C-alpha atoms as a PDB file:
ATOM      1  CA  MET A   1      -1.187   4.183 -11.290  1.00  0.00           C
ATOM      2  CA  HIS A   2      -4.185   6.229 -12.516  1.00  0.00           C
ATOM      3  CA  GLU A   3      -5.360   3.768 -15.372  1.00  0.00           C
ATOM      4  CA  ILE A   4      -5.405   1.120 -12.683  1.00  0.00           C
ATOM      5  CA  ASN A   5      -7.304   2.944 -10.494  1.00  0.00           C
ATOM      6  CA  MET A   6      -9.760   3.923 -13.330  1.00  0.00           C
ATOM      7  CA  LEU A   7     -10.285   0.034 -13.800  1.00  0.00           C
ATOM      8  CA  ARG A   8     -10.934  -0.552 -10.200  1.00  0.00           C
ATOM      9  CA  ASP A   9     -13.724   1.489  -9.925  1.00  0.00           C
ATOM     10  CA  LYS A  10     -15.208   0.790 -13.249  1.00  0.00           C
ATOM     11  CA  PHE A  11     -15.043  -3.088 -11.830  1.00  0.00           C
ATOM     12  CA  GLY A  12     -16.700  -2.255  -8.764  1.00  0.00           C
ATOM     13  CA  GLY A  13     -14.001  -0.895  -6.445  1.00  0.00           C
ATOM     14  CA  SER A  14     -12.695  -4.334  -4.986  1.00  0.00           C
ATOM     15  CA  ALA A  15      -9.492  -3.770  -2.709  1.00  0.00           C
ATOM     16  CA  LEU A  16      -8.137  -6.711  -4.302  1.00  0.00           C
ATOM     17  CA  PHE A  17      -8.351  -5.393  -7.767  1.00  0.00           C
ATOM     18  CA  GLY A  18      -5.097  -3.895  -9.143  1.00  0.00           C
ATOM     19  CA  ASN A  19      -3.418  -4.521  -5.714  1.00  0.00           C
ATOM     20  CA  GLU A  20       0.201  -5.099  -6.432  1.00  0.00           C
ATOM     21  CA  LYS A  21       1.381  -8.246  -4.620  1.00  0.00           C
ATOM     22  CA  ASP A  22       4.828  -7.393  -4.882  1.00  0.00           C
ATOM     23  CA  ASP A  23       7.470  -5.498  -6.936  1.00  0.00           C
ATOM     24  CA  SER A  24       7.017  -7.678  -9.794  1.00  0.00           C
ATOM     25  CA  PHE A  25       5.053  -4.924 -11.689  1.00  0.00           C
ATOM     26  CA  LYS A  26       7.818  -2.301 -11.346  1.00  0.00           C
ATOM     27  CA  SER A  27      10.037  -5.200 -12.768  1.00  0.00           C
ATOM     28  CA  ARG A  28       7.910  -5.942 -15.768  1.00  0.00           C
ATOM     29  CA  ILE A  29       8.046  -2.456 -16.636  1.00  0.00           C
ATOM     30  CA  GLY A  30      11.970  -2.291 -16.419  1.00  0.00           C
ATOM     31  CA  GLN A  31      12.082  -5.755 -18.324  1.00  0.00           C
ATOM     32  CA  ILE A  32      10.563  -4.077 -21.652  1.00  0.00           C
ATOM     33  CA  TYR A  33      13.466  -1.802 -21.931  1.00  0.00           C
ATOM     34  CA  GLN A  34      15.916  -4.458 -21.321  1.00  0.00           C
ATOM     35  CA  THR A  35      19.122  -4.354 -23.402  1.00  0.00           C
ATOM     36  CA  PHE A  36      21.883  -7.082 -23.957  1.00  0.00           C
ATOM     37  CA  GLY A  37      25.522  -5.832 -25.174  1.00  0.00           C
ATOM     38  CA  GLY A  38      23.782  -2.287 -25.672  1.00  0.00           C
ATOM     39  CA  VAL A  39      21.059  -3.634 -28.030  1.00  0.00           C
ATOM     40  CA  GLU A  40      17.478  -3.344 -26.993  1.00  0.00           C
ATOM     41  CA  LEU A  41      15.908  -6.653 -26.756  1.00  0.00           C
ATOM     42  CA  TYR A  42      12.504  -5.395 -27.468  1.00  0.00           C
ATOM     43  CA  PRO A  43      13.433  -2.288 -29.783  1.00  0.00           C
ATOM     44  CA  SER A  44       9.974  -1.374 -31.393  1.00  0.00           C
ATOM     45  CA  VAL A  45       7.090   0.231 -29.616  1.00  0.00           C
ATOM     46  CA  GLU A  46       4.957  -2.653 -30.682  1.00  0.00           C
ATOM     47  CA  GLU A  47       7.707  -5.465 -28.988  1.00  0.00           C
ATOM     48  CA  LYS A  48       7.544  -3.485 -25.912  1.00  0.00           C
ATOM     49  CA  ALA A  49       3.695  -3.187 -25.702  1.00  0.00           C
ATOM     50  CA  ALA A  50       3.449  -6.679 -26.600  1.00  0.00           C
ATOM     51  CA  MET A  51       6.083  -7.664 -23.989  1.00  0.00           C
ATOM     52  CA  LEU A  52       4.219  -5.729 -21.331  1.00  0.00           C
ATOM     53  CA  LEU A  53       0.861  -7.439 -22.264  1.00  0.00           C
ATOM     54  CA  TYR A  54       2.515 -10.934 -21.894  1.00  0.00           C
ATOM     55  CA  LEU A  55       4.542 -10.124 -18.969  1.00  0.00           C
ATOM     56  CA  VAL A  56       1.722  -8.542 -16.877  1.00  0.00           C
ATOM     57  CA  THR A  57      -0.733 -11.180 -17.790  1.00  0.00           C
ATOM     58  CA  LYS A  58       1.430 -14.268 -17.090  1.00  0.00           C
ATOM     59  CA  ASN A  59       3.329 -12.980 -14.016  1.00  0.00           C
ATOM     60  CA  HIS A  60       0.181 -12.150 -12.114  1.00  0.00           C
ATOM     61  CA  SER A  61       1.771  -9.082 -10.224  1.00  0.00           C
ATOM     62  CA  PHE A  62      -1.616  -8.097  -8.778  1.00  0.00           C
ATOM     63  CA  SER A  63      -4.076  -9.845  -6.593  1.00  0.00           C
ATOM     64  CA  ASP A  64      -7.184  -9.402  -9.155  1.00  0.00           C
ATOM     65  CA  GLY A  65      -7.511  -8.244 -12.622  1.00  0.00           C
ATOM     66  CA  ASN A  66      -4.330  -9.031 -14.337  1.00  0.00           C
ATOM     67  CA  LYS A  67      -5.633  -9.709 -17.690  1.00  0.00           C
ATOM     68  CA  ARG A  68      -7.926  -6.613 -17.775  1.00  0.00           C
ATOM     69  CA  ILE A  69      -5.082  -4.547 -16.318  1.00  0.00           C
ATOM     70  CA  ALA A  70      -2.707  -6.136 -18.837  1.00  0.00           C
ATOM     71  CA  ALA A  71      -4.905  -5.225 -21.876  1.00  0.00           C
ATOM     72  CA  THR A  72      -5.408  -1.622 -20.909  1.00  0.00           C
ATOM     73  CA  LEU A  73      -1.963  -1.107 -20.330  1.00  0.00           C
ATOM     74  CA  PHE A  74      -0.915  -2.608 -23.586  1.00  0.00           C
ATOM     75  CA  LEU A  75      -3.746   0.131 -25.289  1.00  0.00           C
ATOM     76  CA  TRP A  76      -2.449   3.127 -22.902  1.00  0.00           C
ATOM     77  CA  PHE A  77       1.169   2.281 -23.848  1.00  0.00           C
ATOM     78  CA  MET A  78       0.510   2.156 -27.723  1.00  0.00           C
ATOM     79  CA  LYS A  79      -1.856   5.575 -27.450  1.00  0.00           C
ATOM     80  CA  ILE A  80       0.945   7.563 -25.447  1.00  0.00           C
ATOM     81  CA  THR A  81       3.251   6.296 -27.986  1.00  0.00           C
ATOM     82  CA  MET A  82       1.479   7.613 -30.952  1.00  0.00           C
ATOM     83  CA  VAL A  83       1.549   4.169 -32.626  1.00  0.00           C
ATOM     84  CA  LEU A  84      -2.308   3.630 -32.053  1.00  0.00           C
ATOM     85  CA  SER A  85      -4.273   5.671 -34.315  1.00  0.00           C
ATOM     86  CA  ILE A  86      -7.860   6.319 -33.202  1.00  0.00           C
ATOM     87  CA  VAL A  87      -8.751   7.101 -36.809  1.00  0.00           C
ATOM     88  CA  LYS A  88      -8.049   3.426 -37.658  1.00  0.00           C
ATOM     89  CA  MET A  89      -9.827   2.049 -34.558  1.00  0.00           C
ATOM     90  CA  VAL A  90     -12.817  -0.437 -34.767  1.00  0.00           C
ATOM     91  CA  PRO A  91     -15.827   1.407 -33.349  1.00  0.00           C
ATOM     92  CA  SER A  92     -16.225  -0.807 -30.529  1.00  0.00           C
ATOM     93  CA  VAL A  93     -12.653  -0.080 -29.297  1.00  0.00           C
ATOM     94  CA  LEU A  94     -12.793   3.429 -29.915  1.00  0.00           C
ATOM     95  CA  PRO A  95     -14.448   4.605 -26.747  1.00  0.00           C
ATOM     96  CA  ILE A  96     -12.158   2.792 -24.669  1.00  0.00           C
ATOM     97  CA  ILE A  97      -8.886   4.539 -26.098  1.00  0.00           C
ATOM     98  CA  GLN A  98     -10.515   7.668 -26.012  1.00  0.00           C
ATOM     99  CA  SER A  99     -11.247   7.301 -22.272  1.00  0.00           C
ATOM    100  CA  LEU A 100      -7.584   6.312 -21.549  1.00  0.00           C
ATOM    101  CA  PRO A 101      -5.671   9.431 -20.123  1.00  0.00           C
ATOM    102  CA  SER A 102      -2.730  10.931 -22.197  1.00  0.00           C
ATOM    103  CA  CYS A 103       0.780  11.533 -20.559  1.00  0.00           C
END
């Protein structure tokens, strides 16, 4: 994923950073779209983003950088779903959001 590669470069280029240990990251992505009885378990974009943040942080899908990757993916997800408004950003966060690629 492009965002993880950008982070790897930003944090020194370690081969372990963002290295998937198994298929659990792909599973976490699928989990935020999970349904039960035809009803989404996480119906809003905010709930999906929050679960993505939680699951990537908790389940350690990567050898290194899980919290940094989770935080970046949270912001990226909110940006691509147009929930995150750059106009409302705190000035210190604005450069981070603007550097994230769009889909």
